[in-house]
Amino acid sequence: MGTFRDNWRIFLLVFVLLASLFALFSPTMAQDGGATAGQASDSPTNLEYGLQLSGGTRIRAPLIGVTATEVEFGSDEAPAIERNVANELDNVTVADVIVRPETQTSGTVEVTADGVSPDQLGSALDAAGYAYEETRDGVTEETRSQTVDILSNKINEAGLSGGTVQQIQTPTGENYILIEVPDENRQDVVDLVNQRGNVRVDVYYPTNGEYQQETVLERDDFQSIGNARQGGEGQLPHVPVVVRESEAPGFQERMVETGVASQGGSTCRYGTAPNGTEACMLLVVDGEVVNAFGMSPGLAADMRSGDWAQDPRFILQTQNFSGAREVAINLRAGALPASLDIGPNGEGTSSFISPSQGEQFRINSLLTGLIAVLAVAGVVFLRYGEVEVALPMIVTALSEVVILLGFAAGIGYPLDLSVIAGFIAVIGTGVDDLIIIADEVMSQGDVNSRRVFQSRFRKAFWVIGAAAATTIIAMSPLAVLSLGDLQGFAIFTILGVLVGVLLTRPAYGDILRALLTR
């Protein structure tokens, strides 16, 4: 019992090390019960790797848009404001204008169409009769957060597991959206996230010798959206949908009135004879008609009798399966409030790291870590020349890395080059602290009692504690702010310092006391 009481810090360190090794190697701790995106399927550990170490696509881009603040709305409602502002701008639709009330009579107005400057937005507000405080480039925090949520849903709906979307801010205040998708081709990811994803169903029908087009269903009008299907014999790829019960009667009535659900159904020739066709339903994605279709006699009969509204199901047909897949993803994820500025002349950047290059980075990171360990070990042995002092120092320092790796594996934190740099920094600072302890304890001659050892150890530990506090304070802004790779470096450096001060340094002190005192 006395041995445990005197050396409980060593036993605690051993327990934490065993728990970390369990998190690293136990199959029961693997994320999702097995390998995930960013994790090598044949890896002996449960570690997950970020984009730099696994390969994949990274996109970093701002959102397109300009914002006016403190706009005085008066008694106008949001739809009227959006319509009035859009009418004063060229090539801008109501869908490109976002009104966010902050009080009953004022708020912000955003225009997310490409090519609109703050001055043009100010002129449009003046022409529409709305006073405002200022106009600026960029969108609001609410729009950025909404975009992050929708892009995350898009990536998940597309089956790109392991992908992440987050906001980042540069030291100079610019806001960007950062998207990372492991093991995916750059162009596929760009195509997925660069679509606004605004899906609607329009009806196109003749009336008084002219053709009219109006929207009859939007995303929120659907109760459920199925997965894209290839379609059977004689049937195009499609997405099965169910219309909400509250919207079904009105949609059914409109189909009958416009002639889509005419007696015997309708045959659509919109693509070949747009001005000589029967009434059609148009599937419109981001303002572009991707398919047009009529209605089968059976479905038309159900709508004319009113039975269809009792079970409001039908299908949205596309020309190919990839189109059906995009429609399903966009309907489930929602439309982006603003587009990413990734174009050739945009501020955004995109990059692709091949899986083979990511594997090479992992190997190089491992070699770098081993070189750092060997270099530190060599310096320590040259400094002390005593195995009983130097060897526990090296083992204790390496235990910090094992604990951090176990923590990363346990929470599924993806490792990248910045985190590896944090591990190397932890090794260096950890050995520095252990050298301070050893020097302070041994510099004033032999330690002939535990009382003398404890006095010297406390003096060294105060120095270590002050240095650790300084490091934590310096790194905290990097850990809190969304600064991309720097965040991972800061987080694991802080964790390493805390593990050292609370666990490994005290344990090393107990080891030295057992070796040097009688």
Protein backbone atom coordinates (compact mmCIF):
# COMPACT_ATOMS: atom_id res chain seq x y z
CA MET A 1 0.00 0.00 0.00
CA GLY A 2 2.89 2.34 0.83
CA THR A 3 4.43 1.69 -2.60
CA PHE A 4 1.22 2.65 -4.37
CA ARG A 5 0.78 5.77 -2.22
CA ASP A 6 4.33 6.95 -2.94
CA ASN A 7 4.21 6.19 -6.68
CA TRP A 8 0.55 6.70 -7.58
CA ARG A 9 1.49 9.15 -10.35
CA ILE A 10 3.48 6.41 -12.10
CA PHE A 11 0.55 4.00 -11.84
CA LEU A 12 -1.78 6.68 -13.20
CA LEU A 13 0.54 7.26 -16.16
CA VAL A 14 0.63 3.51 -16.88
CA PHE A 15 -3.18 3.32 -16.70
CA VAL A 16 -3.62 6.25 -19.11
CA LEU A 17 -1.06 4.73 -21.47
CA LEU A 18 -2.93 1.40 -21.50
CA ALA A 19 -6.22 3.22 -22.17
CA SER A 20 -4.57 5.12 -25.03
CA LEU A 21 -3.17 1.93 -26.54
CA PHE A 22 -6.64 0.38 -26.29
CA ALA A 23 -8.14 3.34 -28.15
CA LEU A 24 -5.39 3.10 -30.77
CA PHE A 25 -5.51 -0.63 -31.52
CA SER A 26 -8.77 -2.15 -30.27
CA PRO A 27 -11.20 -3.04 -33.10
CA THR A 28 -14.08 -2.12 -30.79
CA MET A 29 -12.92 1.52 -30.83
CA ALA A 30 -12.84 1.81 -34.64
CA GLN A 31 -15.11 4.59 -35.91
CA ASP A 32 -18.36 3.16 -37.35
CA GLY A 33 -17.08 -0.30 -36.55
CA GLY A 34 -14.39 -0.26 -39.23
CA ALA A 35 -12.45 1.79 -41.69
CA THR A 36 -13.87 5.14 -42.63
CA ALA A 37 -13.01 7.70 -45.23
CA GLY A 38 -9.60 9.06 -44.46
CA GLN A 39 -8.60 5.87 -42.67
CA ALA A 40 -6.60 3.20 -44.41
CA SER A 41 -8.67 0.02 -44.54
CA ASP A 42 -5.65 -2.17 -43.78
CA SER A 43 -4.25 0.09 -41.05
CA PRO A 44 -3.45 -1.68 -37.76
CA THR A 45 -4.58 1.40 -35.81
CA ASN A 46 -7.88 3.24 -35.38
CA LEU A 47 -6.35 6.54 -36.46
CA GLU A 48 -8.15 8.63 -39.03
CA TYR A 49 -6.23 10.81 -41.46
CA GLY A 50 -7.08 14.22 -42.77
CA LEU A 51 -6.88 15.34 -46.34
CA GLN A 52 -3.11 15.86 -46.37
CA LEU A 53 -2.40 12.32 -45.20
CA SER A 54 -5.14 10.43 -47.05
CA GLY A 55 -5.59 12.36 -50.31
CA GLY A 56 -8.68 14.14 -51.56
CA THR A 57 -10.01 17.57 -52.47
CA ARG A 58 -9.86 20.85 -50.61
CA ILE A 59 -11.85 23.94 -51.59
CA ARG A 60 -11.39 27.31 -49.92
CA ALA A 61 -13.60 30.09 -51.21
CA PRO A 62 -15.67 33.08 -50.11
CA LEU A 63 -19.38 33.36 -50.80
CA ILE A 64 -20.55 35.61 -53.62
CA GLY A 65 -22.63 38.50 -52.37
CA VAL A 66 -22.95 42.07 -51.15
CA THR A 67 -24.79 43.29 -48.07
CA ALA A 68 -26.58 46.46 -47.01
CA THR A 69 -26.95 47.08 -43.27
CA GLU A 70 -29.55 48.99 -41.26
CA VAL A 71 -31.98 49.09 -44.18
CA GLU A 72 -35.23 50.87 -43.32
CA PHE A 73 -38.09 48.69 -44.58
CA GLY A 74 -40.99 50.74 -43.38
CA SER A 75 -44.21 48.72 -43.61
CA ASP A 76 -43.05 46.52 -46.50
CA GLU A 77 -42.88 42.75 -46.02
CA ALA A 78 -39.81 40.70 -46.96
CA PRO A 79 -41.23 39.30 -50.28
CA ALA A 80 -42.10 42.81 -51.48
CA ILE A 81 -38.65 44.13 -50.52
CA GLU A 82 -36.93 41.29 -52.36
CA ARG A 83 -39.04 41.92 -55.45
CA ASN A 84 -38.48 45.68 -55.38
CA VAL A 85 -34.69 45.37 -55.01
CA ALA A 86 -34.43 42.67 -57.69
CA ASN A 87 -36.37 44.85 -60.15
CA GLU A 88 -33.75 47.61 -59.81
CA LEU A 89 -30.78 45.32 -60.64
CA ASP A 90 -29.86 43.74 -63.97
CA ASN A 91 -29.74 39.94 -64.19
CA VAL A 92 -30.95 39.55 -60.61
CA THR A 93 -33.97 37.48 -59.63
CA VAL A 94 -35.99 37.46 -56.44
CA ALA A 95 -34.15 34.25 -55.43
CA ASP A 96 -30.88 36.24 -55.40
CA VAL A 97 -32.13 38.73 -52.78
CA ILE A 98 -32.23 37.83 -49.07
CA VAL A 99 -33.96 40.06 -46.54
CA ARG A 100 -33.15 39.44 -42.87
CA PRO A 101 -35.26 41.62 -40.52
CA GLU A 102 -33.56 42.63 -37.27
CA THR A 103 -36.37 44.81 -35.95
CA GLN A 104 -39.94 45.33 -37.12
CA THR A 105 -38.89 48.06 -39.55
CA SER A 106 -35.21 47.46 -40.37
CA GLY A 107 -32.64 44.78 -41.12
CA THR A 108 -30.12 43.67 -43.73
CA VAL A 109 -30.49 43.08 -47.46
CA GLU A 110 -28.15 40.71 -49.28
CA VAL A 111 -27.78 40.19 -53.03
CA THR A 112 -26.04 36.92 -53.88
CA ALA A 113 -25.93 37.26 -57.67
CA ASP A 114 -22.51 37.42 -59.31
CA GLY A 115 -21.35 40.79 -60.65
CA VAL A 116 -23.26 43.07 -58.25
CA SER A 117 -21.10 45.64 -56.46
CA PRO A 118 -21.85 47.41 -53.17
CA ASP A 119 -22.41 50.67 -55.08
CA GLN A 120 -24.94 48.99 -57.38
CA LEU A 121 -26.80 47.59 -54.37
CA GLY A 122 -26.84 51.06 -52.81
CA SER A 123 -28.23 52.57 -56.01
CA ALA A 124 -30.94 49.87 -56.18
CA LEU A 125 -31.99 50.56 -52.59
CA ASP A 126 -32.13 54.29 -53.32
CA ALA A 127 -34.25 53.67 -56.40
CA ALA A 128 -36.56 51.36 -54.44
CA GLY A 129 -36.96 53.97 -51.72
CA TYR A 130 -35.12 52.24 -48.85
CA ALA A 131 -32.67 54.14 -46.64
CA TYR A 132 -29.62 52.26 -45.40
CA GLU A 133 -26.48 52.76 -43.34
CA GLU A 134 -23.79 51.21 -45.56
CA THR A 135 -23.14 48.59 -48.25
CA ARG A 136 -20.19 46.21 -48.28
CA ASP A 137 -18.80 43.14 -49.96
CA GLY A 138 -19.61 39.76 -48.40
CA VAL A 139 -22.64 38.13 -46.84
CA THR A 140 -23.94 37.91 -43.29
CA GLU A 141 -22.98 35.38 -40.63
CA GLU A 142 -26.44 33.80 -40.92
CA THR A 143 -25.93 33.16 -44.64
CA ARG A 144 -22.49 31.64 -44.04
CA SER A 145 -23.82 29.34 -41.32
CA GLN A 146 -26.76 28.28 -43.47
CA THR A 147 -24.38 27.56 -46.36
CA VAL A 148 -22.17 25.40 -44.13
CA ASP A 149 -25.19 23.36 -42.98
CA ILE A 150 -26.52 22.84 -46.50
CA LEU A 151 -23.12 21.93 -47.97
CA SER A 152 -22.61 19.43 -45.15
CA ASN A 153 -25.99 17.89 -46.00
CA LYS A 154 -25.07 17.81 -49.69
CA ILE A 155 -21.83 15.97 -49.02
CA ASN A 156 -23.58 13.48 -46.75
CA GLU A 157 -26.44 12.92 -49.20
CA ALA A 158 -23.89 12.31 -51.97
CA GLY A 159 -22.32 9.54 -49.87
CA LEU A 160 -18.99 11.35 -49.48
CA SER A 161 -18.34 10.19 -45.91
CA GLY A 162 -15.52 11.89 -44.08
CA GLY A 163 -16.11 15.25 -45.77
CA THR A 164 -16.09 18.38 -43.62
CA VAL A 165 -17.37 21.92 -44.16
CA GLN A 166 -16.48 24.83 -41.89
CA GLN A 167 -16.10 28.58 -41.76
CA ILE A 168 -12.63 30.05 -41.45
CA GLN A 169 -11.51 33.61 -41.00
CA THR A 170 -8.16 35.05 -42.01
CA PRO A 171 -6.17 37.28 -39.61
CA THR A 172 -7.25 40.26 -41.74
CA GLY A 173 -10.95 39.46 -41.31
CA GLU A 174 -11.91 37.80 -44.63
CA ASN A 175 -14.42 34.96 -44.29
CA TYR A 176 -14.09 31.74 -46.28
CA ILE A 177 -15.86 28.41 -46.52
CA LEU A 178 -13.41 25.49 -46.24
CA ILE A 179 -14.50 22.14 -47.72
CA GLU A 180 -12.40 18.98 -47.41
CA VAL A 181 -13.49 15.66 -48.91
CA PRO A 182 -11.07 12.70 -48.61
CA ASP A 183 -10.51 10.32 -51.52
CA GLU A 184 -12.63 12.28 -54.00
CA ASN A 185 -11.79 13.79 -57.39
CA ARG A 186 -11.50 17.58 -57.46
CA GLN A 187 -13.93 18.20 -60.34
CA ASP A 188 -16.63 15.97 -58.82
CA VAL A 189 -16.51 17.89 -55.55
CA VAL A 190 -16.46 21.28 -57.31
CA ASP A 191 -19.49 20.29 -59.41
CA LEU A 192 -21.36 19.18 -56.30
CA VAL A 193 -20.77 22.22 -54.10
CA ASN A 194 -20.81 24.87 -56.83
CA GLN A 195 -24.49 24.33 -57.65
CA ARG A 196 -27.01 26.52 -55.89
CA GLY A 197 -29.30 23.50 -55.88
CA ASN A 198 -32.59 25.38 -56.32
CA VAL A 199 -35.03 22.72 -57.58
CA ARG A 200 -38.63 23.42 -58.52
CA VAL A 201 -41.41 22.04 -60.71
CA ASP A 202 -43.04 24.44 -63.18
CA VAL A 203 -46.06 23.96 -65.38
CA TYR A 204 -45.81 25.10 -69.02
CA TYR A 205 -49.18 25.41 -70.78
CA PRO A 206 -50.92 27.23 -73.65
CA THR A 207 -53.51 29.88 -72.93
CA ASN A 208 -55.10 32.37 -75.35
CA GLY A 209 -52.61 31.47 -78.04
CA GLU A 210 -49.57 32.03 -75.80
CA TYR A 211 -47.61 29.82 -73.44
CA GLN A 212 -47.40 30.54 -69.70
CA GLN A 213 -44.90 29.15 -67.18
CA GLU A 214 -45.51 29.15 -63.45
CA THR A 215 -44.05 27.36 -60.44
CA VAL A 216 -46.31 24.75 -58.89
CA LEU A 217 -43.98 22.88 -56.50
CA GLU A 218 -40.89 23.93 -54.54
CA ARG A 219 -38.61 22.01 -52.19
CA ASP A 220 -40.68 22.62 -49.05
CA ASP A 221 -43.80 21.29 -50.81
CA PHE A 222 -42.41 17.73 -50.76
CA GLN A 223 -43.06 15.46 -47.81
CA SER A 224 -40.40 12.92 -48.78
CA ILE A 225 -37.80 12.50 -51.52
CA GLY A 226 -36.63 9.05 -52.57
CA ASN A 227 -33.26 7.98 -53.93
CA ALA A 228 -32.42 8.33 -57.61
CA ARG A 229 -33.41 5.26 -59.62
CA GLN A 230 -32.24 4.02 -62.98
CA GLY A 231 -35.77 3.34 -64.25
CA GLY A 232 -37.12 0.15 -65.73
CA GLU A 233 -37.83 -0.76 -69.31
CA GLY A 234 -39.17 2.25 -71.23
CA GLN A 235 -38.75 4.52 -68.24
CA LEU A 236 -36.25 7.32 -67.75
CA PRO A 237 -34.11 7.69 -64.58
CA HIS A 238 -36.21 9.37 -61.94
CA VAL A 239 -36.67 10.42 -58.33
CA PRO A 240 -39.86 9.26 -56.54
CA VAL A 241 -41.44 12.00 -54.40
CA VAL A 242 -44.43 12.46 -52.13
CA VAL A 243 -46.18 15.84 -52.04
CA ARG A 244 -47.34 17.22 -48.70
CA GLU A 245 -51.00 16.64 -47.95
CA SER A 246 -51.54 20.38 -47.54
CA GLU A 247 -50.17 21.08 -51.04
CA ALA A 248 -51.54 18.04 -52.90
CA PRO A 249 -55.12 19.29 -53.58
CA GLY A 250 -53.89 22.62 -54.99
CA PHE A 251 -51.27 20.93 -57.18
CA GLN A 252 -53.83 18.41 -58.41
CA GLU A 253 -56.30 21.15 -59.27
CA ARG A 254 -53.65 23.13 -61.15
CA MET A 255 -52.63 20.09 -63.20
CA VAL A 256 -56.22 19.65 -64.32
CA GLU A 257 -56.76 23.35 -65.05
CA THR A 258 -53.60 23.73 -67.15
CA GLY A 259 -54.24 20.56 -69.15
CA VAL A 260 -51.29 18.48 -67.93
CA ALA A 261 -53.84 16.06 -66.43
CA SER A 262 -56.13 16.19 -69.47
CA GLN A 263 -58.42 13.37 -70.52
CA GLY A 264 -56.06 10.58 -71.62
CA GLY A 265 -52.98 12.32 -70.19
CA SER A 266 -50.61 14.63 -72.02
CA THR A 267 -47.61 14.27 -74.34
CA CYS A 268 -44.86 16.82 -73.85
CA ARG A 269 -42.74 18.05 -76.79
CA TYR A 270 -41.17 21.00 -74.96
CA GLY A 271 -37.63 20.22 -76.12
CA THR A 272 -38.50 19.81 -79.81
CA ALA A 273 -41.58 22.01 -80.24
CA PRO A 274 -41.88 24.38 -77.28
CA ASN A 275 -44.55 26.46 -78.99
CA GLY A 276 -46.51 23.52 -80.33
CA THR A 277 -46.70 21.17 -77.40
CA GLU A 278 -49.38 20.03 -75.04
CA ALA A 279 -49.09 21.17 -71.43
CA CYS A 280 -45.89 20.01 -69.74
CA MET A 281 -44.32 19.76 -66.31
CA LEU A 282 -40.79 21.23 -66.25
CA LEU A 283 -38.10 20.15 -63.82
CA VAL A 284 -36.00 23.28 -63.22
CA VAL A 285 -32.63 23.25 -61.44
CA ASP A 286 -30.93 26.60 -60.76
CA GLY A 287 -33.12 28.29 -63.34
CA GLU A 288 -32.36 25.77 -66.10
CA VAL A 289 -34.92 23.30 -67.44
CA VAL A 290 -33.29 19.88 -67.09
CA ASN A 291 -36.30 17.85 -68.25
CA ALA A 292 -39.87 18.23 -69.43
CA PHE A 293 -42.53 15.55 -69.25
CA GLY A 294 -46.23 15.03 -69.68
CA MET A 295 -48.53 12.80 -67.69
CA SER A 296 -49.59 9.19 -68.13
CA PRO A 297 -53.30 8.45 -68.70
CA GLY A 298 -53.58 6.57 -65.42
CA LEU A 299 -52.10 9.37 -63.30
CA ALA A 300 -54.15 11.96 -65.17
CA ALA A 301 -57.34 9.97 -64.49
CA ASP A 302 -56.53 9.83 -60.75
CA MET A 303 -56.02 13.59 -60.67
CA ARG A 304 -59.21 14.32 -62.57
CA SER A 305 -61.21 12.12 -60.18
CA GLY A 306 -59.50 13.65 -57.12
CA ASP A 307 -58.15 10.30 -55.92
CA TRP A 308 -54.49 11.26 -56.39
CA ALA A 309 -54.54 13.80 -53.52
CA GLN A 310 -55.30 10.90 -51.13
CA ASP A 311 -51.93 9.34 -52.00
CA PRO A 312 -49.92 12.18 -53.61
CA ARG A 313 -47.01 10.30 -55.17
CA PHE A 314 -45.35 10.77 -58.54
CA ILE A 315 -41.87 10.78 -60.09
CA LEU A 316 -39.51 13.50 -61.33
CA GLN A 317 -37.90 12.22 -64.51
CA THR A 318 -34.45 13.23 -65.79
CA GLN A 319 -32.50 12.44 -68.94
CA ASN A 320 -29.78 10.45 -67.14
CA PHE A 321 -29.02 8.91 -63.78
CA SER A 322 -26.48 11.57 -62.76
CA GLY A 323 -29.17 14.21 -63.26
CA ALA A 324 -31.60 12.24 -61.10
CA ARG A 325 -28.93 11.93 -58.42
CA GLU A 326 -28.33 15.69 -58.42
CA VAL A 327 -32.06 16.38 -58.14
CA ALA A 328 -32.39 14.01 -55.17
CA ILE A 329 -29.37 15.51 -53.42
CA ASN A 330 -30.50 19.10 -53.96
CA LEU A 331 -34.08 18.43 -52.86
CA ARG A 332 -32.94 16.75 -49.63
CA ALA A 333 -30.10 19.16 -48.81
CA GLY A 334 -31.79 22.39 -49.84
CA ALA A 335 -30.78 25.34 -52.00
CA LEU A 336 -27.68 27.32 -51.16
CA PRO A 337 -28.40 30.92 -50.19
CA ALA A 338 -25.18 31.99 -52.01
CA SER A 339 -22.68 30.46 -54.41
CA LEU A 340 -19.01 29.84 -53.74
CA ASP A 341 -16.62 32.09 -55.63
CA ILE A 342 -14.57 29.27 -57.21
CA GLY A 343 -14.60 30.45 -60.82
CA PRO A 344 -11.46 31.13 -62.89
CA ASN A 345 -11.47 34.77 -61.83
CA GLY A 346 -12.78 34.16 -58.32
CA GLU A 347 -10.99 34.44 -55.00
CA GLY A 348 -11.47 30.78 -54.18
CA THR A 349 -8.91 28.02 -54.58
CA SER A 350 -9.23 24.28 -54.94
CA SER A 351 -6.60 21.56 -54.75
CA PHE A 352 -6.38 17.80 -55.04
CA ILE A 353 -3.97 15.46 -53.25
CA SER A 354 -3.78 11.99 -54.73
CA PRO A 355 -4.10 9.01 -52.34
CA SER A 356 -0.57 7.90 -53.25
CA GLN A 357 0.78 11.35 -52.34
CA GLY A 358 -1.14 11.24 -49.06
CA GLU A 359 0.42 7.86 -48.28
CA GLN A 360 3.85 9.32 -49.01
CA PHE A 361 3.10 12.17 -46.61
CA ARG A 362 2.22 9.63 -43.90
CA ILE A 363 5.51 7.80 -44.42
CA ASN A 364 7.47 11.06 -44.39
CA SER A 365 5.66 12.18 -41.23
CA LEU A 366 6.56 8.92 -39.51
CA LEU A 367 10.21 9.25 -40.56
CA THR A 368 10.28 12.86 -39.34
CA GLY A 369 8.88 11.80 -35.97
CA LEU A 370 11.44 9.01 -35.63
CA ILE A 371 14.30 11.37 -36.52
CA ALA A 372 13.07 13.85 -33.92
CA VAL A 373 12.92 11.12 -31.26
CA LEU A 374 16.40 9.82 -32.11
CA ALA A 375 17.84 13.34 -32.13
CA VAL A 376 16.33 14.13 -28.74
CA ALA A 377 17.50 10.80 -27.33
CA GLY A 378 21.04 11.41 -28.57
CA VAL A 379 21.23 14.88 -27.02
CA VAL A 380 19.88 13.62 -23.69
CA PHE A 381 22.39 10.77 -23.49
CA LEU A 382 25.24 13.14 -24.37
CA ARG A 383 24.07 15.59 -21.71
CA TYR A 384 23.78 13.13 -18.82
CA GLY A 385 25.61 9.96 -19.75
CA GLU A 386 23.51 8.06 -17.22
CA VAL A 387 20.99 5.54 -18.49
CA GLU A 388 18.89 5.69 -15.31
CA VAL A 389 18.31 9.42 -15.90
CA ALA A 390 18.13 9.63 -19.68
CA LEU A 391 16.09 6.51 -20.49
CA PRO A 392 13.08 7.38 -18.27
CA MET A 393 13.22 10.86 -19.77
CA ILE A 394 12.86 9.54 -23.32
CA VAL A 395 10.16 7.01 -22.38
CA THR A 396 8.18 9.66 -20.50
CA ALA A 397 8.36 12.10 -23.40
CA LEU A 398 7.23 9.45 -25.89
CA SER A 399 4.35 8.48 -23.61
CA GLU A 400 2.88 11.95 -24.19
CA VAL A 401 2.74 11.25 -27.94
CA VAL A 402 1.08 7.87 -27.35
CA ILE A 403 -1.53 9.50 -25.11
CA LEU A 404 -2.28 12.18 -27.72
CA LEU A 405 -2.55 9.57 -30.48
CA GLY A 406 -4.94 7.56 -28.31
CA PHE A 407 -7.01 10.69 -27.71
CA ALA A 408 -7.15 11.42 -31.46
CA ALA A 409 -8.17 7.82 -32.19
CA GLY A 410 -10.77 7.81 -29.42
CA ILE A 411 -12.61 10.92 -30.66
CA GLY A 412 -11.98 10.24 -34.36
CA TYR A 413 -9.98 13.45 -34.91
CA PRO A 414 -8.36 13.30 -38.37
CA LEU A 415 -4.58 13.67 -38.33
CA ASP A 416 -2.95 16.05 -40.77
CA LEU A 417 0.48 17.66 -41.13
CA SER A 418 -0.33 20.43 -38.65
CA VAL A 419 -1.24 17.87 -35.96
CA ILE A 420 1.99 15.95 -36.66
CA ALA A 421 3.87 19.24 -36.23
CA GLY A 422 2.08 19.63 -32.89
CA PHE A 423 3.27 16.16 -31.81
CA ILE A 424 6.88 17.06 -32.67
CA ALA A 425 6.54 20.32 -30.74
CA VAL A 426 5.21 18.34 -27.77
CA ILE A 427 8.25 16.04 -27.88
CA GLY A 428 10.60 19.04 -27.88
CA THR A 429 8.89 21.03 -25.13
CA GLY A 430 8.34 17.87 -23.08
CA VAL A 431 12.03 16.95 -23.09
CA ASP A 432 12.91 20.57 -22.27
CA ASP A 433 10.77 20.38 -19.14
CA LEU A 434 12.21 17.01 -18.14
CA ILE A 435 15.75 18.39 -18.53
CA ILE A 436 14.80 21.31 -16.27
CA ILE A 437 13.64 18.81 -13.65
CA ALA A 438 16.77 16.65 -13.92
CA ASP A 439 19.14 19.64 -13.84
CA GLU A 440 17.45 21.24 -10.87
CA VAL A 441 17.42 17.98 -8.92
CA MET A 442 21.02 16.96 -9.73
CA SER A 443 22.83 20.29 -10.10
CA GLN A 444 23.42 20.86 -6.38
CA GLY A 445 25.09 17.55 -5.65
CA ASP A 446 23.76 14.15 -4.68
CA VAL A 447 20.22 13.82 -3.44
CA ASN A 448 20.54 12.20 -0.05
CA SER A 449 16.92 12.35 1.12
CA ARG A 450 13.39 12.52 -0.19
CA ARG A 451 12.87 15.85 1.56
CA VAL A 452 15.73 17.42 -0.40
CA PHE A 453 14.44 15.87 -3.63
CA GLN A 454 10.92 17.18 -3.10
CA SER A 455 12.23 20.70 -2.39
CA ARG A 456 14.28 20.79 -5.61
CA PHE A 457 11.48 19.18 -7.65
CA ARG A 458 8.93 21.76 -6.51
CA LYS A 459 11.26 24.58 -7.51
CA ALA A 460 11.67 23.06 -11.00
CA PHE A 461 7.95 22.38 -11.30
CA TRP A 462 7.08 26.03 -10.69
CA VAL A 463 9.27 26.99 -13.64
CA ILE A 464 7.61 24.32 -15.81
CA GLY A 465 4.14 25.40 -14.74
CA ALA A 466 4.81 29.03 -15.62
CA ALA A 467 6.17 28.03 -19.05
CA ALA A 468 3.14 25.79 -19.65
CA ALA A 469 0.73 28.60 -18.75
CA THR A 470 2.52 30.93 -21.18
CA THR A 471 2.28 28.34 -23.97
CA ILE A 472 -1.42 27.72 -23.35
CA ILE A 473 -2.21 31.44 -23.34
CA ALA A 474 -0.25 31.98 -26.55
CA MET A 475 -1.88 29.04 -28.34
CA SER A 476 -5.46 29.61 -27.15
CA PRO A 477 -6.42 32.16 -29.84
CA LEU A 478 -5.22 29.79 -32.56
CA ALA A 479 -7.22 26.94 -31.03
CA VAL A 480 -10.42 28.99 -30.78
CA LEU A 481 -10.32 30.94 -34.03
CA SER A 482 -11.14 29.15 -37.29
CA LEU A 483 -7.73 29.44 -38.91
CA GLY A 484 -7.61 26.14 -40.78
CA ASP A 485 -4.48 24.04 -40.22
CA LEU A 486 -3.23 26.24 -37.38
CA GLN A 487 -6.18 25.18 -35.26
CA GLY A 488 -5.15 21.51 -35.17
CA PHE A 489 -1.56 22.45 -34.34
CA ALA A 490 -2.68 24.67 -31.46
CA ILE A 491 -5.19 22.18 -30.04
CA PHE A 492 -2.73 19.30 -29.82
CA THR A 493 0.10 21.50 -28.55
CA ILE A 494 -2.16 22.68 -25.70
CA LEU A 495 -3.29 19.10 -24.98
CA GLY A 496 0.34 17.97 -24.94
CA VAL A 497 1.28 20.71 -22.47
CA LEU A 498 -1.65 19.80 -20.19
CA VAL A 499 -0.82 16.09 -20.31
CA GLY A 500 2.79 16.94 -19.46
CA VAL A 501 2.05 19.22 -16.52
CA LEU A 502 -0.74 17.12 -15.02
CA LEU A 503 0.57 13.63 -15.74
CA THR A 504 3.98 12.91 -17.26
CA ARG A 505 6.16 15.50 -15.43
CA PRO A 506 4.93 14.44 -11.96
CA ALA A 507 5.37 10.77 -12.94
CA TYR A 508 8.93 11.46 -14.11
CA GLY A 509 9.59 13.15 -10.77
CA ASP A 510 8.48 9.99 -8.94
CA ILE A 511 10.72 7.88 -11.19
CA LEU A 512 13.75 10.11 -10.49
CA ARG A 513 13.02 10.07 -6.75
CA ALA A 514 12.93 6.28 -6.75
CA LEU A 515 16.22 6.09 -8.68
CA LEU A 516 18.20 8.82 -6.92
CA THR A 517 17.13 8.68 -3.28
CA ARG A 518 17.77 6.10 -0.63
